[in-house]
Protein backbone atom coordinates (compact mmCIF):
# COMPACT_ATOMS: atom_id res chain seq x y z
CA UNK A 1 -4.76 -10.88 0.46
CA UNK A 2 -7.49 -8.29 0.79
CA UNK A 3 -6.90 -4.60 0.59
CA UNK A 4 -8.87 -2.70 3.22
CA UNK A 5 -8.50 0.88 2.06
CA UNK A 6 -6.18 3.25 0.31
CA UNK A 7 -6.15 7.02 0.02
CA UNK A 8 -3.76 9.61 -1.33
CA UNK A 9 -3.80 12.71 0.84
CA UNK A 10 -2.00 15.96 0.13
CA UNK A 11 1.11 16.33 2.26
CA UNK A 12 2.23 19.50 0.50
CA UNK A 13 2.05 20.90 -3.04
CA UNK A 14 4.37 18.25 -4.47
CA UNK A 15 3.87 15.09 -2.40
CA UNK A 16 1.02 12.87 -1.25
CA UNK A 17 0.83 10.22 1.45
CA UNK A 18 -0.62 6.88 0.36
CA UNK A 19 -1.98 4.95 3.36
CA UNK A 20 -3.74 1.62 3.60
CA UNK A 21 -4.47 -1.52 5.57
CA UNK A 22 -4.02 -5.04 4.25
CA UNK A 23 -5.63 -8.15 5.74
CA UNK A 24 -5.68 -11.81 4.82
CA UNK A 25 -8.77 -12.85 2.85
CA UNK A 26 -8.52 -16.27 4.54
CA UNK A 27 -8.48 -15.44 8.25
CA UNK A 28 -9.11 -11.65 8.20
CA UNK A 29 -5.89 -10.99 10.16
CA UNK A 30 -3.48 -8.15 9.27
CA UNK A 31 -0.56 -9.01 7.00
CA UNK A 32 2.67 -7.89 8.65
CA UNK A 33 5.05 -9.23 6.03
CA UNK A 34 3.69 -7.06 3.25
CA UNK A 35 5.80 -5.03 0.86
CA UNK A 36 4.39 -2.09 -1.05
CA UNK A 37 6.00 -0.48 -4.08
CA UNK A 38 5.13 2.51 -6.26
CA UNK A 39 7.40 1.99 -9.26
CA UNK A 40 6.73 5.40 -10.85
CA UNK A 41 8.34 7.05 -7.81
CA UNK A 42 10.80 4.20 -7.12
CA UNK A 43 9.65 4.02 -3.48
CA UNK A 44 8.96 1.03 -1.25
CA UNK A 45 7.46 0.41 2.16
CA UNK A 46 6.39 -2.45 4.40
CA UNK A 47 3.34 -2.98 6.60
CA UNK A 48 3.37 -2.61 10.39
CA UNK A 49 2.20 -5.43 12.67
CA UNK A 50 -1.38 -4.18 12.35
CA UNK A 51 -1.27 -4.41 8.53
CA UNK A 52 -1.07 -0.65 7.94
CA UNK A 53 1.39 1.06 5.66
CA UNK A 54 2.21 4.59 4.56
CA UNK A 55 4.26 5.76 1.60
CA UNK A 56 5.01 9.21 0.16
CA UNK A 57 4.30 9.58 -3.57
CA UNK A 58 4.63 12.49 -6.00
CA UNK A 59 1.38 11.97 -7.92
CA UNK A 60 -2.21 11.91 -6.69
CA UNK A 61 -3.07 9.00 -9.02
CA UNK A 62 -1.08 5.88 -9.78
CA UNK A 63 -0.56 2.20 -9.06
CA UNK A 64 0.75 0.47 -5.96
CA UNK A 65 2.02 -3.12 -6.03
CA UNK A 66 1.47 -5.15 -2.85
CA UNK A 67 3.33 -8.42 -2.26
CA UNK A 68 3.48 -10.92 0.58
CA UNK A 69 4.99 -14.41 0.65
CA UNK A 70 2.32 -17.03 0.06
CA UNK A 71 -0.20 -14.55 -1.38
CA UNK A 72 -1.03 -13.40 -4.88
CA UNK A 73 0.57 -10.05 -5.77
CA UNK A 74 -1.94 -7.21 -6.12
CA UNK A 75 -1.47 -4.14 -8.29
CA UNK A 76 -4.05 -1.52 -7.44
CA UNK A 77 -4.91 1.95 -8.66
CA UNK A 78 -4.98 4.75 -6.11
CA UNK A 79 -6.40 8.26 -6.28
């Protein structure tokens, strides 16, 4: 699993939107069956068919855990 990009953008004074794209490191195709979790906010999301995801978080900095069946779980910092 390869993580294309991630960014936390201000949605309002209290929340941010974390967006990213995940592709397979093997064939460079988007991963549709991806789950994303930010445990500090107790929020989860899943990727669309093009490998993109979006999740609302309360902090500008943190960690997101990305999982997909058959791939190694990634835990990445975002800011």
